[in-house]
């Protein structure tokens, strides 16, 4: 399994648990999160370190990414896994598919890259080197069908994570009150991203927006949501000069979002 980003690693963990429910014994290895490792996943790459974006970041980490890539190819050659599951992270994963398919390995893509939005030519690589693509969104079906790529619509695993209580106003208010937030308050949540590069580029801007809004609207309460690939201490270190009151939360992302009235999101 190659799950090099926070969302992919979250869904990869769910996938591992589903496999284990079958009662069969499985060995999992590849790229994943600390939580996956705790479930018995053998890591040759850490999603917390590989979640880079943009040309500058990729070049900065190119040496380590190449090392992990070569190690994965080597281990796959030695162990001959029955199934390879690629999750998003297209620049890395499509190159890996090109290397592994000629080894006689069955390569599947789960969480398709957004090739329907840009650089559609990459679909040729998927058709040539992947057995099948598992799709999260209904509109992706027609795209892959038109490109003659083997595919299956499985739905978005996010739906399994949503708790109906998070739509219950009374429940949400009870959760807010645990943090001293009264019905007169509104919660402004900052989501600074799941990659360190995103923090470097955008977090200070988000904090400045929050400063101005908190100064203008006294009913606002600030919550900063910590992604699972980022340590809470990393965010705290970046808040040394931020003097306004805030909550720093690292619970379930969906649960934290449910508490928020307004969310300022980093989008890459």
C-alpha atoms as a PDB file:
ATOM      1  CA  UNK A   1       0.000   0.000   0.000  1.00  0.00           C
ATOM      2  CA  UNK A   2       1.330   3.423  -0.945  1.00  0.00           C
ATOM      3  CA  UNK A   3      -0.490   6.036   1.154  1.00  0.00           C
ATOM      4  CA  UNK A   4       1.796   9.049   1.288  1.00  0.00           C
ATOM      5  CA  UNK A   5      -0.671  11.731   2.430  1.00  0.00           C
ATOM      6  CA  UNK A   6      -2.827  12.221   5.511  1.00  0.00           C
ATOM      7  CA  UNK A   7      -6.196  11.477   3.902  1.00  0.00           C
ATOM      8  CA  UNK A   8      -4.833   8.495   1.988  1.00  0.00           C
ATOM      9  CA  UNK A   9      -3.231   7.070   5.125  1.00  0.00           C
ATOM     10  CA  UNK A  10      -6.509   7.477   7.007  1.00  0.00           C
ATOM     11  CA  UNK A  11      -8.389   5.486   4.376  1.00  0.00           C
ATOM     12  CA  UNK A  12      -5.554   2.967   4.046  1.00  0.00           C
ATOM     13  CA  UNK A  13      -5.879   2.258   7.758  1.00  0.00           C
ATOM     14  CA  UNK A  14      -9.600   1.618   7.312  1.00  0.00           C
ATOM     15  CA  UNK A  15      -8.794  -0.647   4.361  1.00  0.00           C
ATOM     16  CA  UNK A  16      -6.310  -2.664   6.413  1.00  0.00           C
ATOM     17  CA  UNK A  17      -8.885  -3.159   9.149  1.00  0.00           C
ATOM     18  CA  UNK A  18     -11.454  -4.352   6.621  1.00  0.00           C
ATOM     19  CA  UNK A  19      -9.009  -6.904   5.233  1.00  0.00           C
ATOM     20  CA  UNK A  20      -8.301  -8.172   8.748  1.00  0.00           C
ATOM     21  CA  UNK A  21     -12.013  -8.691   9.404  1.00  0.00           C
ATOM     22  CA  UNK A  22     -12.017 -11.428   6.767  1.00  0.00           C
ATOM     23  CA  UNK A  23     -10.187 -13.730   9.143  1.00  0.00           C
ATOM     24  CA  UNK A  24      -7.275 -14.291   6.762  1.00  0.00           C
ATOM     25  CA  UNK A  25      -3.711 -13.366   7.638  1.00  0.00           C
ATOM     26  CA  UNK A  26      -2.240 -10.419   5.798  1.00  0.00           C
ATOM     27  CA  UNK A  27       1.150  -8.772   5.625  1.00  0.00           C
ATOM     28  CA  UNK A  28       1.069  -5.087   4.749  1.00  0.00           C
ATOM     29  CA  UNK A  29       4.057  -2.957   3.778  1.00  0.00           C
ATOM     30  CA  UNK A  30       4.868   0.191   1.822  1.00  0.00           C
ATOM     31  CA  UNK A  31       4.246   3.850   2.647  1.00  0.00           C
ATOM     32  CA  UNK A  32       1.894   4.845   5.436  1.00  0.00           C
ATOM     33  CA  UNK A  33       1.293   6.556   8.749  1.00  0.00           C
ATOM     34  CA  UNK A  34       2.326   5.948  12.325  1.00  0.00           C
ATOM     35  CA  UNK A  35      -1.186   4.655  13.066  1.00  0.00           C
ATOM     36  CA  UNK A  36      -0.849   2.142  10.231  1.00  0.00           C
ATOM     37  CA  UNK A  37       2.465   1.005  11.685  1.00  0.00           C
ATOM     38  CA  UNK A  38       0.794   0.456  15.036  1.00  0.00           C
ATOM     39  CA  UNK A  39      -1.625  -1.882  13.233  1.00  0.00           C
ATOM     40  CA  UNK A  40       1.262  -4.006  11.939  1.00  0.00           C
ATOM     41  CA  UNK A  41       2.111  -2.117   8.743  1.00  0.00           C
ATOM     42  CA  UNK A  42       5.800  -2.293   7.757  1.00  0.00           C
ATOM     43  CA  UNK A  43       6.876   1.179   6.686  1.00  0.00           C
ATOM     44  CA  UNK A  44       9.529   1.922   4.112  1.00  0.00           C
ATOM     45  CA  UNK A  45       8.234   5.467   3.772  1.00  0.00           C
ATOM     46  CA  UNK A  46       6.428   7.724   6.236  1.00  0.00           C
ATOM     47  CA  UNK A  47       3.387   9.655   5.070  1.00  0.00           C
ATOM     48  CA  UNK A  48       4.216  12.326   7.662  1.00  0.00           C
ATOM     49  CA  UNK A  49       7.456  13.054   5.781  1.00  0.00           C
ATOM     50  CA  UNK A  50       6.424  12.354   2.191  1.00  0.00           C
ATOM     51  CA  UNK A  51       3.383  14.636   2.019  1.00  0.00           C
ATOM     52  CA  UNK A  52       5.133  17.340  -0.022  1.00  0.00           C
ATOM     53  CA  UNK A  53       3.562  19.543  -2.662  1.00  0.00           C
ATOM     54  CA  UNK A  54       4.857  21.980  -5.272  1.00  0.00           C
ATOM     55  CA  UNK A  55       8.029  21.894  -7.369  1.00  0.00           C
ATOM     56  CA  UNK A  56      10.225  23.536  -4.724  1.00  0.00           C
ATOM     57  CA  UNK A  57       9.246  21.080  -2.008  1.00  0.00           C
ATOM     58  CA  UNK A  58       9.580  18.097  -4.325  1.00  0.00           C
ATOM     59  CA  UNK A  59      13.077  19.160  -5.358  1.00  0.00           C
ATOM     60  CA  UNK A  60      13.998  19.702  -1.709  1.00  0.00           C
ATOM     61  CA  UNK A  61      12.957  16.138  -0.850  1.00  0.00           C
ATOM     62  CA  UNK A  62      13.912  14.527  -4.157  1.00  0.00           C
ATOM     63  CA  UNK A  63      16.848  12.559  -2.785  1.00  0.00           C
ATOM     64  CA  UNK A  64      14.842  10.973   0.044  1.00  0.00           C
ATOM     65  CA  UNK A  65      11.855  10.297  -2.248  1.00  0.00           C
ATOM     66  CA  UNK A  66      14.107   8.541  -4.759  1.00  0.00           C
ATOM     67  CA  UNK A  67      15.598   6.442  -1.973  1.00  0.00           C
ATOM     68  CA  UNK A  68      12.143   5.337  -0.802  1.00  0.00           C
ATOM     69  CA  UNK A  69      11.025   4.706  -4.384  1.00  0.00           C
ATOM     70  CA  UNK A  70      14.021   2.461  -5.097  1.00  0.00           C
ATOM     71  CA  UNK A  71      13.550   0.616  -1.809  1.00  0.00           C
ATOM     72  CA  UNK A  72       9.901  -0.103  -2.613  1.00  0.00           C
ATOM     73  CA  UNK A  73      10.839  -1.458  -6.043  1.00  0.00           C
ATOM     74  CA  UNK A  74      13.540  -3.634  -4.461  1.00  0.00           C
ATOM     75  CA  UNK A  75      11.275  -5.035  -1.745  1.00  0.00           C
ATOM     76  CA  UNK A  76       8.406  -5.641  -4.192  1.00  0.00           C
ATOM     77  CA  UNK A  77      10.819  -7.556  -6.426  1.00  0.00           C
ATOM     78  CA  UNK A  78      11.937  -9.709  -3.487  1.00  0.00           C
ATOM     79  CA  UNK A  79       8.559 -10.365  -1.860  1.00  0.00           C
ATOM     80  CA  UNK A  80       6.284 -10.436  -4.889  1.00  0.00           C
ATOM     81  CA  UNK A  81       3.167  -9.071  -3.102  1.00  0.00           C
ATOM     82  CA  UNK A  82      -0.128 -10.437  -4.389  1.00  0.00           C
ATOM     83  CA  UNK A  83      -1.637  -6.961  -4.604  1.00  0.00           C
ATOM     84  CA  UNK A  84      -0.259  -3.422  -4.849  1.00  0.00           C
ATOM     85  CA  UNK A  85      -2.648  -0.618  -3.871  1.00  0.00           C
ATOM     86  CA  UNK A  86      -1.753   2.924  -4.924  1.00  0.00           C
ATOM     87  CA  UNK A  87      -3.565   5.836  -3.284  1.00  0.00           C
ATOM     88  CA  UNK A  88      -3.542   9.298  -4.902  1.00  0.00           C
ATOM     89  CA  UNK A  89       0.046  10.815  -4.901  1.00  0.00           C
ATOM     90  CA  UNK A  90       0.191  10.471  -8.718  1.00  0.00           C
ATOM     91  CA  UNK A  91       3.698  11.666  -9.604  1.00  0.00           C
ATOM     92  CA  UNK A  92       5.232   9.017  -7.359  1.00  0.00           C
ATOM     93  CA  UNK A  93       2.628   6.292  -7.746  1.00  0.00           C
ATOM     94  CA  UNK A  94       2.333   6.310 -11.532  1.00  0.00           C
ATOM     95  CA  UNK A  95       6.109   5.913 -11.846  1.00  0.00           C
ATOM     96  CA  UNK A  96       5.914   3.086  -9.338  1.00  0.00           C
ATOM     97  CA  UNK A  97       3.151   1.386 -11.339  1.00  0.00           C
ATOM     98  CA  UNK A  98       5.400   1.504 -14.414  1.00  0.00           C
ATOM     99  CA  UNK A  99       8.092  -0.346 -12.477  1.00  0.00           C
ATOM    100  CA  UNK A 100       5.904  -2.918 -10.748  1.00  0.00           C
ATOM    101  CA  UNK A 101       3.528  -4.058 -13.498  1.00  0.00           C
ATOM    102  CA  UNK A 102       6.396  -5.558 -15.577  1.00  0.00           C
ATOM    103  CA  UNK A 103       7.313  -7.555 -12.449  1.00  0.00           C
ATOM    104  CA  UNK A 104       4.042  -9.418 -12.915  1.00  0.00           C
ATOM    105  CA  UNK A 105       2.407  -7.656  -9.954  1.00  0.00           C
ATOM    106  CA  UNK A 106      -1.264  -6.713  -9.875  1.00  0.00           C
ATOM    107  CA  UNK A 107      -1.447  -2.956  -9.390  1.00  0.00           C
ATOM    108  CA  UNK A 108      -4.703  -1.273  -8.369  1.00  0.00           C
ATOM    109  CA  UNK A 109      -5.420   2.439  -7.913  1.00  0.00           C
ATOM    110  CA  UNK A 110      -7.687   3.364  -5.010  1.00  0.00           C
ATOM    111  CA  UNK A 111      -8.429   7.099  -4.647  1.00  0.00           C
ATOM    112  CA  UNK A 112      -7.850   8.160  -8.212  1.00  0.00           C
ATOM    113  CA  UNK A 113      -5.713  11.243  -8.882  1.00  0.00           C
ATOM    114  CA  UNK A 114      -7.721  14.139 -10.270  1.00  0.00           C
ATOM    115  CA  UNK A 115      -6.675  13.481 -13.854  1.00  0.00           C
ATOM    116  CA  UNK A 116     -10.187  14.353 -15.025  1.00  0.00           C
ATOM    117  CA  UNK A 117      -9.406  17.936 -13.954  1.00  0.00           C
ATOM    118  CA  UNK A 118      -5.904  18.419 -15.312  1.00  0.00           C
ATOM    119  CA  UNK A 119      -3.161  16.515 -17.175  1.00  0.00           C
ATOM    120  CA  UNK A 120      -5.585  13.955 -18.524  1.00  0.00           C
ATOM    121  CA  UNK A 121      -2.797  12.299 -20.466  1.00  0.00           C
ATOM    122  CA  UNK A 122      -1.845  10.429 -17.306  1.00  0.00           C
ATOM    123  CA  UNK A 123      -4.871   8.212 -17.838  1.00  0.00           C
ATOM    124  CA  UNK A 124      -2.812   6.360 -20.454  1.00  0.00           C
ATOM    125  CA  UNK A 125      -0.351   5.304 -17.754  1.00  0.00           C
ATOM    126  CA  UNK A 126      -3.182   4.104 -15.538  1.00  0.00           C
ATOM    127  CA  UNK A 127      -4.736   2.088 -18.367  1.00  0.00           C
ATOM    128  CA  UNK A 128      -1.402   0.493 -19.247  1.00  0.00           C
ATOM    129  CA  UNK A 129      -0.060  -0.308 -15.785  1.00  0.00           C
ATOM    130  CA  UNK A 130      -3.085  -0.699 -13.469  1.00  0.00           C
ATOM    131  CA  UNK A 131      -5.517  -3.594 -13.310  1.00  0.00           C
ATOM    132  CA  UNK A 132      -8.403  -1.402 -12.176  1.00  0.00           C
ATOM    133  CA  UNK A 133      -9.184   1.996 -10.648  1.00  0.00           C
ATOM    134  CA  UNK A 134     -11.566   2.176  -7.678  1.00  0.00           C
ATOM    135  CA  UNK A 135     -13.552   5.417  -7.851  1.00  0.00           C
ATOM    136  CA  UNK A 136     -14.910   7.589  -5.042  1.00  0.00           C
ATOM    137  CA  UNK A 137     -17.127   9.952  -7.043  1.00  0.00           C
ATOM    138  CA  UNK A 138     -19.985   9.050  -9.422  1.00  0.00           C
ATOM    139  CA  UNK A 139     -18.893  11.578 -12.064  1.00  0.00           C
ATOM    140  CA  UNK A 140     -15.519   9.796 -12.404  1.00  0.00           C
ATOM    141  CA  UNK A 141     -17.243   6.728 -13.860  1.00  0.00           C
ATOM    142  CA  UNK A 142     -18.067   8.313 -17.201  1.00  0.00           C
ATOM    143  CA  UNK A 143     -14.543   9.712 -17.541  1.00  0.00           C
ATOM    144  CA  UNK A 144     -12.820   6.354 -17.041  1.00  0.00           C
ATOM    145  CA  UNK A 145     -15.423   4.589 -19.143  1.00  0.00           C
ATOM    146  CA  UNK A 146     -14.766   6.993 -22.023  1.00  0.00           C
ATOM    147  CA  UNK A 147     -11.036   6.294 -21.701  1.00  0.00           C
ATOM    148  CA  UNK A 148     -11.584   2.524 -21.731  1.00  0.00           C
ATOM    149  CA  UNK A 149      -9.987   2.043 -18.298  1.00  0.00           C
ATOM    150  CA  UNK A 150     -11.123  -0.826 -16.052  1.00  0.00           C
ATOM    151  CA  UNK A 151     -12.898   0.810 -13.119  1.00  0.00           C
ATOM    152  CA  UNK A 152     -15.336   0.258 -10.287  1.00  0.00           C
ATOM    153  CA  UNK A 153     -17.310   2.845  -8.340  1.00  0.00           C
ATOM    154  CA  UNK A 154     -17.031   2.088  -4.609  1.00  0.00           C
ATOM    155  CA  UNK A 155     -18.202   5.365  -3.049  1.00  0.00           C
ATOM    156  CA  UNK A 156     -16.391   7.739  -0.733  1.00  0.00           C
ATOM    157  CA  UNK A 157     -15.170   6.257   2.595  1.00  0.00           C
ATOM    158  CA  UNK A 158     -15.779   9.652   4.199  1.00  0.00           C
ATOM    159  CA  UNK A 159     -19.458   8.723   4.397  1.00  0.00           C
ATOM    160  CA  UNK A 160     -18.554   5.921   6.810  1.00  0.00           C
ATOM    161  CA  UNK A 161     -16.802   8.418   9.091  1.00  0.00           C
ATOM    162  CA  UNK A 162     -19.734  10.794   9.467  1.00  0.00           C
ATOM    163  CA  UNK A 163     -21.596  10.465  12.749  1.00  0.00           C
ATOM    164  CA  UNK A 164     -25.281  11.551  12.593  1.00  0.00           C
ATOM    165  CA  UNK A 165     -24.773  13.208  15.999  1.00  0.00           C
ATOM    166  CA  UNK A 166     -22.591  15.802  14.293  1.00  0.00           C
ATOM    167  CA  UNK A 167     -25.739  17.137  12.642  1.00  0.00           C
ATOM    168  CA  UNK A 168     -27.567  17.368  15.964  1.00  0.00           C
ATOM    169  CA  UNK A 169     -27.495  20.962  17.250  1.00  0.00           C
ATOM    170  CA  UNK A 170     -27.943  19.938  20.901  1.00  0.00           C
ATOM    171  CA  UNK A 171     -25.085  17.454  20.724  1.00  0.00           C
ATOM    172  CA  UNK A 172     -22.823  19.999  19.026  1.00  0.00           C
ATOM    173  CA  UNK A 173     -23.581  22.588  21.702  1.00  0.00           C
ATOM    174  CA  UNK A 174     -22.736  20.099  24.447  1.00  0.00           C
ATOM    175  CA  UNK A 175     -19.388  19.496  22.764  1.00  0.00           C
ATOM    176  CA  UNK A 176     -18.760  23.237  22.546  1.00  0.00           C
ATOM    177  CA  UNK A 177     -19.575  23.714  26.225  1.00  0.00           C
ATOM    178  CA  UNK A 178     -16.804  21.285  27.132  1.00  0.00           C
ATOM    179  CA  UNK A 179     -14.449  23.982  25.857  1.00  0.00           C
ATOM    180  CA  UNK A 180     -16.300  26.860  27.511  1.00  0.00           C
ATOM    181  CA  UNK A 181     -18.085  27.940  24.332  1.00  0.00           C
ATOM    182  CA  UNK A 182     -21.592  29.239  25.051  1.00  0.00           C
ATOM    183  CA  UNK A 183     -24.558  29.481  22.641  1.00  0.00           C
ATOM    184  CA  UNK A 184     -23.723  33.182  22.213  1.00  0.00           C
ATOM    185  CA  UNK A 185     -20.365  32.317  20.674  1.00  0.00           C
ATOM    186  CA  UNK A 186     -19.492  31.299  17.132  1.00  0.00           C
ATOM    187  CA  UNK A 187     -16.492  29.074  16.423  1.00  0.00           C
ATOM    188  CA  UNK A 188     -13.984  30.064  13.755  1.00  0.00           C
ATOM    189  CA  UNK A 189     -11.836  27.041  12.868  1.00  0.00           C
ATOM    190  CA  UNK A 190      -8.495  27.194  11.080  1.00  0.00           C
ATOM    191  CA  UNK A 191      -7.353  24.158   9.113  1.00  0.00           C
ATOM    192  CA  UNK A 192      -3.720  24.936   8.251  1.00  0.00           C
ATOM    193  CA  UNK A 193      -3.089  21.763   6.240  1.00  0.00           C
ATOM    194  CA  UNK A 194      -1.532  18.344   6.612  1.00  0.00           C
ATOM    195  CA  UNK A 195       1.882  19.133   5.100  1.00  0.00           C
ATOM    196  CA  UNK A 196       4.675  21.169   6.649  1.00  0.00           C
ATOM    197  CA  UNK A 197       5.088  23.070   3.399  1.00  0.00           C
ATOM    198  CA  UNK A 198       1.467  24.173   3.623  1.00  0.00           C
ATOM    199  CA  UNK A 199       2.094  25.431   7.154  1.00  0.00           C
ATOM    200  CA  UNK A 200       5.112  27.375   5.942  1.00  0.00           C
ATOM    201  CA  UNK A 201       3.182  29.052   3.132  1.00  0.00           C
ATOM    202  CA  UNK A 202      -0.231  29.712   4.614  1.00  0.00           C
ATOM    203  CA  UNK A 203      -0.469  29.415   8.386  1.00  0.00           C
ATOM    204  CA  UNK A 204       0.753  32.925   9.141  1.00  0.00           C
ATOM    205  CA  UNK A 205      -1.782  34.314   6.661  1.00  0.00           C
ATOM    206  CA  UNK A 206      -4.560  32.347   8.330  1.00  0.00           C
ATOM    207  CA  UNK A 207      -3.480  33.602  11.741  1.00  0.00           C
ATOM    208  CA  UNK A 208      -3.488  37.205  10.518  1.00  0.00           C
ATOM    209  CA  UNK A 209      -7.024  36.748   9.160  1.00  0.00           C
ATOM    210  CA  UNK A 210      -8.031  35.276  12.527  1.00  0.00           C
ATOM    211  CA  UNK A 211      -6.464  38.219  14.415  1.00  0.00           C
ATOM    212  CA  UNK A 212      -8.470  40.726  12.422  1.00  0.00           C
ATOM    213  CA  UNK A 213     -11.722  38.810  12.705  1.00  0.00           C
ATOM    214  CA  UNK A 214     -11.336  38.265  16.460  1.00  0.00           C
ATOM    215  CA  UNK A 215     -10.637  41.972  16.916  1.00  0.00           C
ATOM    216  CA  UNK A 216     -13.711  42.939  14.906  1.00  0.00           C
ATOM    217  CA  UNK A 217     -16.186  40.317  16.212  1.00  0.00           C
ATOM    218  CA  UNK A 218     -16.104  39.662  19.946  1.00  0.00           C
ATOM    219  CA  UNK A 219     -18.521  36.713  19.668  1.00  0.00           C
ATOM    220  CA  UNK A 220     -15.915  34.624  17.797  1.00  0.00           C
ATOM    221  CA  UNK A 221     -13.900  31.866  19.462  1.00  0.00           C
ATOM    222  CA  UNK A 222     -10.894  30.471  17.612  1.00  0.00           C
ATOM    223  CA  UNK A 223     -10.138  26.773  17.195  1.00  0.00           C
ATOM    224  CA  UNK A 224      -7.035  25.550  15.354  1.00  0.00           C
ATOM    225  CA  UNK A 225      -7.416  22.033  13.980  1.00  0.00           C
ATOM    226  CA  UNK A 226      -4.292  19.856  13.850  1.00  0.00           C
ATOM    227  CA  UNK A 227      -4.003  17.325  11.003  1.00  0.00           C
ATOM    228  CA  UNK A 228      -2.961  13.759  11.913  1.00  0.00           C
ATOM    229  CA  UNK A 229       0.334  14.088  10.002  1.00  0.00           C
ATOM    230  CA  UNK A 230       1.355  17.146  12.057  1.00  0.00           C
ATOM    231  CA  UNK A 231       2.423  17.034  15.683  1.00  0.00           C
ATOM    232  CA  UNK A 232       0.594  19.339  18.056  1.00  0.00           C
ATOM    233  CA  UNK A 233       3.940  20.722  19.254  1.00  0.00           C
ATOM    234  CA  UNK A 234       4.767  21.848  15.706  1.00  0.00           C
ATOM    235  CA  UNK A 235       1.675  24.040  15.662  1.00  0.00           C
ATOM    236  CA  UNK A 236       2.343  25.299  19.202  1.00  0.00           C
ATOM    237  CA  UNK A 237       5.849  26.385  18.153  1.00  0.00           C
ATOM    238  CA  UNK A 238       4.318  28.508  15.409  1.00  0.00           C
ATOM    239  CA  UNK A 239       1.925  30.187  17.848  1.00  0.00           C
ATOM    240  CA  UNK A 240       4.512  31.760  20.162  1.00  0.00           C
ATOM    241  CA  UNK A 241       3.736  35.269  18.904  1.00  0.00           C
ATOM    242  CA  UNK A 242      -0.013  34.767  18.567  1.00  0.00           C
ATOM    243  CA  UNK A 243      -1.531  36.477  21.609  1.00  0.00           C
ATOM    244  CA  UNK A 244      -5.251  35.940  21.014  1.00  0.00           C
ATOM    245  CA  UNK A 245      -7.010  33.095  22.885  1.00  0.00           C
ATOM    246  CA  UNK A 246      -7.423  29.868  20.943  1.00  0.00           C
ATOM    247  CA  UNK A 247      -8.176  26.171  21.247  1.00  0.00           C
ATOM    248  CA  UNK A 248      -5.724  23.692  19.738  1.00  0.00           C
ATOM    249  CA  UNK A 249      -7.568  20.502  18.840  1.00  0.00           C
ATOM    250  CA  UNK A 250      -6.303  17.231  17.406  1.00  0.00           C
ATOM    251  CA  UNK A 251      -9.436  15.122  17.669  1.00  0.00           C
ATOM    252  CA  UNK A 252     -11.228  13.595  14.675  1.00  0.00           C
ATOM    253  CA  UNK A 253     -11.182  16.168  11.862  1.00  0.00           C
ATOM    254  CA  UNK A 254     -14.856  15.634  11.061  1.00  0.00           C
ATOM    255  CA  UNK A 255     -15.843  15.987  14.708  1.00  0.00           C
ATOM    256  CA  UNK A 256     -13.894  19.232  15.000  1.00  0.00           C
ATOM    257  CA  UNK A 257     -15.413  20.612  11.796  1.00  0.00           C
ATOM    258  CA  UNK A 258     -18.893  19.804  13.126  1.00  0.00           C
ATOM    259  CA  UNK A 259     -18.228  22.147  16.075  1.00  0.00           C
ATOM    260  CA  UNK A 260     -17.229  25.009  13.791  1.00  0.00           C
ATOM    261  CA  UNK A 261     -19.538  27.723  12.481  1.00  0.00           C
ATOM    262  CA  UNK A 262     -16.926  29.055  10.070  1.00  0.00           C
ATOM    263  CA  UNK A 263     -13.873  27.230   8.679  1.00  0.00           C
ATOM    264  CA  UNK A 264     -10.826  28.754   7.008  1.00  0.00           C
ATOM    265  CA  UNK A 265      -9.254  25.913   5.009  1.00  0.00           C
ATOM    266  CA  UNK A 266      -5.832  25.552   3.399  1.00  0.00           C
ATOM    267  CA  UNK A 267      -6.345  24.111  -0.090  1.00  0.00           C
ATOM    268  CA  UNK A 268      -2.814  23.590  -1.386  1.00  0.00           C
END
